[in-house]
Amino acid sequence: MSSPEKPEMTLVTLKSVPPLVRGLVRDLRARWALEEAGIPYNVVQIGRDEQRAPPHLARQPFGQVPVLLDGKVTLFESGAIVQYVAERSPALLPSEAAARARVMSWMFAAVSTLEPAASNLQEVDWFHAGAPWAAARRPAVVDFLRLHFGSLSDWLRDRDHVAGAFSAADILVTSVLRMVRHTDLVAESPILTAYQTRCEARLAFQRAMEAHMAAFEHFDSSA
């Protein structure tokens, strides 16, 4: 859906990232939500040197991506962007109060409960591998994440999605599961494996992933 034809929104992301994190950069979540909502969008890619430049810091004070531009509205933080897009799509965020509350609860659970635990493991494994303190800390980090994944697995035992029908919450929860793709933590649970597979089989995810990866491939070929 990332078409130049009458785009409603613009997504700002990076020109290039290391292969290790391709498929994990958080613009993928925003792309997925936009694809599910059927909202056309443009993409603007910035280089590493532009991340700390005043124009980008004016819209993202931490110099990160993604940023979503919608007319006079500027949003940063992937969770906020997914929510903003979901507000425009009953398929992602229902209007009925109880159903909406369930989705919102799981959206916050994804970014405030599950994601920090997954980020801790990424930090230990990717940025401090080989450090004595990291080796000592890793078992506790894994156990904590495994505990959360166990709770998620229990919740999904008789459910196809976390909050009823597929919603914005599943975009964020699935994105967290993807963060630990370098481990077997998801594979340890057939329920989580089936859930992730089910969500990633959606055409909107596949379109988002294709666009996400193609952007890096285009930069590589033109560099």
Protein backbone atom coordinates (compact mmCIF):
# COMPACT_ATOMS: atom_id res chain seq x y z
CA MET A 1 0.00 0.00 0.00
CA SER A 2 3.05 2.25 0.07
CA SER A 3 1.90 3.94 -3.12
CA PRO A 4 2.71 7.46 -4.28
CA GLU A 5 -0.89 7.79 -5.51
CA LYS A 6 -2.67 10.26 -3.21
CA PRO A 7 -0.91 9.15 -0.02
CA GLU A 8 -2.59 10.19 3.20
CA MET A 9 0.40 9.75 5.46
CA THR A 10 4.19 9.71 5.36
CA LEU A 11 6.34 7.26 7.28
CA VAL A 12 9.90 8.27 8.16
CA THR A 13 12.39 5.45 8.61
CA LEU A 14 16.05 4.61 7.98
CA LYS A 15 17.83 4.15 4.68
CA SER A 16 19.91 1.25 5.90
CA VAL A 17 20.41 -0.91 8.98
CA PRO A 18 22.64 -3.95 9.63
CA PRO A 19 21.27 -7.21 8.21
CA LEU A 20 20.86 -8.54 11.77
CA VAL A 21 17.98 -6.17 12.47
CA ARG A 22 16.30 -6.05 9.09
CA GLY A 23 12.75 -7.23 9.61
CA LEU A 24 12.83 -5.92 13.17
CA VAL A 25 13.06 -2.14 12.74
CA ARG A 26 9.91 -0.69 14.24
CA ASP A 27 8.71 0.97 11.05
CA LEU A 28 7.51 -2.55 10.16
CA ARG A 29 4.80 -2.26 12.82
CA ALA A 30 3.61 1.02 11.40
CA ARG A 31 3.65 -0.34 7.85
CA TRP A 32 1.66 -3.38 8.96
CA ALA A 33 -0.99 -1.23 10.64
CA LEU A 34 -1.26 1.03 7.59
CA GLU A 35 -1.61 -1.99 5.32
CA GLU A 36 -4.30 -3.53 7.52
CA ALA A 37 -6.18 -0.22 7.62
CA GLY A 38 -5.86 0.25 3.87
CA ILE A 39 -4.32 3.71 4.26
CA PRO A 40 -1.96 4.80 1.45
CA TYR A 41 1.36 6.16 2.65
CA ASN A 42 4.64 7.53 1.43
CA VAL A 43 8.02 6.60 2.85
CA VAL A 44 10.87 9.00 3.56
CA GLN A 45 14.21 7.40 4.42
CA ILE A 46 16.89 9.20 6.38
CA GLY A 47 20.55 8.37 6.90
CA ARG A 48 22.31 7.83 10.19
CA ASP A 49 23.83 11.30 9.92
CA GLU A 50 20.34 12.80 9.74
CA GLN A 51 19.06 11.13 12.90
CA ARG A 52 20.68 13.71 15.20
CA ALA A 53 20.17 16.64 12.84
CA PRO A 54 17.75 19.40 13.93
CA PRO A 55 15.02 18.66 11.34
CA HIS A 56 14.60 15.09 12.57
CA LEU A 57 15.02 15.95 16.25
CA ALA A 58 12.20 18.45 15.86
CA ARG A 59 9.83 15.58 15.12
CA GLN A 60 11.54 12.81 17.13
CA PRO A 61 13.49 14.21 20.11
CA PHE A 62 15.44 10.96 20.59
CA GLY A 63 16.53 10.73 16.97
CA GLN A 64 14.82 7.40 16.42
CA VAL A 65 12.40 5.94 13.87
CA PRO A 66 9.67 5.57 12.88
CA VAL A 67 7.89 8.90 12.65
CA LEU A 68 4.44 9.26 11.12
CA LEU A 69 3.41 12.52 9.46
CA ASP A 70 -0.26 13.14 8.80
CA GLY A 71 -0.85 16.74 7.78
CA LYS A 72 -0.25 18.84 10.88
CA VAL A 73 0.01 15.74 13.07
CA THR A 74 3.43 14.27 13.89
CA LEU A 75 3.77 11.08 15.89
CA PHE A 76 6.73 9.09 17.15
CA GLU A 77 6.96 5.79 19.09
CA SER A 78 5.74 2.77 17.17
CA GLY A 79 3.03 1.92 19.71
CA ALA A 80 1.55 5.41 19.45
CA ILE A 81 1.68 5.23 15.65
CA VAL A 82 -0.08 1.86 15.57
CA GLN A 83 -2.77 3.22 17.90
CA TYR A 84 -3.20 6.36 15.77
CA VAL A 85 -3.67 4.27 12.65
CA ALA A 86 -5.94 1.83 14.47
CA GLU A 87 -8.21 4.70 15.52
CA ARG A 88 -9.04 5.02 11.82
CA SER A 89 -9.82 1.35 11.27
CA PRO A 90 -12.60 -0.66 12.97
CA ALA A 91 -10.71 -3.75 11.81
CA LEU A 92 -7.85 -2.82 14.14
CA LEU A 93 -9.64 -1.12 17.04
CA PRO A 94 -13.34 -1.83 17.60
CA SER A 95 -15.72 0.93 18.62
CA GLU A 96 -17.63 -1.12 21.20
CA ALA A 97 -16.32 -0.13 24.64
CA ALA A 98 -15.54 -3.55 26.13
CA ALA A 99 -13.89 -4.88 22.97
CA ARG A 100 -11.92 -1.66 22.57
CA ALA A 101 -10.70 -1.89 26.15
CA ARG A 102 -9.46 -5.44 25.62
CA VAL A 103 -7.49 -4.40 22.54
CA MET A 104 -6.02 -1.35 24.27
CA SER A 105 -4.98 -3.41 27.29
CA TRP A 106 -3.10 -5.84 25.09
CA MET A 107 -1.51 -3.06 23.08
CA PHE A 108 -0.06 -1.62 26.28
CA ALA A 109 0.90 -5.08 27.53
CA ALA A 110 2.90 -5.62 24.35
CA VAL A 111 4.94 -2.42 24.64
CA SER A 112 5.21 -2.11 28.43
CA THR A 113 5.35 -5.73 29.67
CA LEU A 114 6.54 -7.99 26.86
CA GLU A 115 8.78 -5.67 24.85
CA PRO A 116 11.10 -4.52 27.66
CA ALA A 117 11.82 -8.15 28.53
CA ALA A 118 12.58 -8.96 24.88
CA SER A 119 14.72 -5.82 24.57
CA ASN A 120 16.78 -6.90 27.58
CA LEU A 121 17.61 -10.16 25.85
CA GLN A 122 18.53 -8.38 22.63
CA GLU A 123 20.86 -6.11 24.57
CA VAL A 124 22.60 -9.00 26.28
CA ASP A 125 22.92 -11.10 23.13
CA TRP A 126 23.66 -8.44 20.52
CA PHE A 127 25.45 -5.59 22.20
CA HIS A 128 27.31 -7.22 25.07
CA ALA A 129 27.94 -10.76 23.85
CA GLY A 130 31.09 -12.12 25.43
CA ALA A 131 31.04 -9.74 28.38
CA PRO A 132 31.30 -11.63 31.68
CA TRP A 133 28.45 -9.66 33.21
CA ALA A 134 26.20 -10.42 30.21
CA ALA A 135 26.89 -14.14 30.44
CA ALA A 136 26.04 -14.03 34.13
CA ARG A 137 22.86 -12.02 33.57
CA ARG A 138 21.50 -13.90 30.57
CA PRO A 139 19.88 -16.85 32.41
CA ALA A 140 17.78 -14.51 34.54
CA VAL A 141 16.79 -12.45 31.49
CA VAL A 142 15.75 -15.60 29.64
CA ASP A 143 13.81 -16.96 32.62
CA PHE A 144 11.91 -13.68 32.98
CA LEU A 145 11.01 -13.60 29.30
CA ARG A 146 10.08 -17.27 29.33
CA LEU A 147 7.73 -16.55 32.24
CA HIS A 148 5.97 -13.82 30.25
CA PHE A 149 5.82 -15.99 27.14
CA GLY A 150 4.35 -18.76 29.24
CA SER A 151 1.58 -16.45 30.43
CA LEU A 152 0.93 -15.35 26.85
CA SER A 153 0.83 -18.95 25.71
CA ASP A 154 -1.69 -19.80 28.43
CA TRP A 155 -3.86 -16.87 27.36
CA LEU A 156 -3.79 -17.98 23.73
CA ARG A 157 -4.51 -21.63 24.46
CA ASP A 158 -8.14 -21.36 23.33
CA ARG A 159 -7.85 -18.14 21.33
CA ASP A 160 -6.71 -17.33 17.82
CA HIS A 161 -5.80 -13.75 18.78
CA VAL A 162 -5.12 -11.91 22.01
CA ALA A 163 -8.28 -9.76 22.15
CA GLY A 164 -10.94 -11.50 20.10
CA ALA A 165 -10.66 -10.90 16.37
CA PHE A 166 -7.34 -9.83 14.88
CA SER A 167 -6.54 -6.28 16.01
CA ALA A 168 -3.80 -3.72 16.51
CA ALA A 169 -2.85 -5.62 19.65
CA ASP A 170 -1.78 -8.60 17.56
CA ILE A 171 0.46 -6.37 15.44
CA LEU A 172 2.36 -5.30 18.55
CA VAL A 173 2.43 -8.68 20.29
CA THR A 174 3.62 -10.45 17.15
CA SER A 175 6.28 -7.78 16.67
CA VAL A 176 7.65 -8.55 20.13
CA LEU A 177 7.77 -12.28 19.40
CA ARG A 178 9.81 -11.48 16.32
CA MET A 179 12.36 -9.61 18.45
CA VAL A 180 13.74 -12.88 19.79
CA ARG A 181 13.90 -14.71 16.47
CA HIS A 182 17.58 -15.43 17.18
CA THR A 183 16.47 -17.77 20.00
CA ASP A 184 14.19 -20.79 20.39
CA LEU A 185 11.98 -19.09 22.99
CA VAL A 186 8.94 -18.86 20.72
CA ALA A 187 9.55 -22.31 19.26
CA GLU A 188 9.39 -23.76 22.77
CA SER A 189 5.65 -23.11 22.69
CA PRO A 190 3.60 -24.66 19.87
CA ILE A 191 0.82 -22.23 20.79
CA LEU A 192 3.02 -19.15 20.34
CA THR A 193 4.54 -20.59 17.18
CA ALA A 194 1.09 -21.16 15.68
CA TYR A 195 -0.05 -17.70 16.76
CA GLN A 196 2.94 -15.95 15.21
CA THR A 197 2.60 -17.98 12.02
CA ARG A 198 -1.09 -17.15 11.83
CA CYS A 199 -0.49 -13.41 12.20
CA GLU A 200 2.44 -13.32 9.79
CA ALA A 201 0.39 -15.19 7.18
CA ARG A 202 -1.85 -12.14 6.79
CA LEU A 203 -1.50 -10.44 3.42
CA ALA A 204 -1.09 -7.05 5.10
CA PHE A 205 1.94 -8.30 7.03
CA GLN A 206 3.46 -9.78 3.91
CA ARG A 207 3.02 -6.52 2.02
CA ALA A 208 4.52 -4.57 4.90
CA MET A 209 7.49 -6.90 5.16
CA GLU A 210 8.11 -6.80 1.42
CA ALA A 211 8.12 -3.00 1.43
CA HIS A 212 10.27 -2.88 4.57
CA MET A 213 12.94 -5.14 3.09
CA ALA A 214 12.78 -3.67 -0.41
CA ALA A 215 13.70 -0.26 0.96
CA PHE A 216 17.00 -1.60 2.31
CA GLU A 217 17.70 -3.58 -0.85
CA HIS A 218 17.21 -0.46 -2.96
CA PHE A 219 19.64 1.48 -0.77
CA ASP A 220 22.21 -1.34 -0.94
CA SER A 221 22.03 -1.47 -4.73
CA SER A 222 22.35 2.29 -5.11
CA ALA A 223 25.09 2.81 -2.52
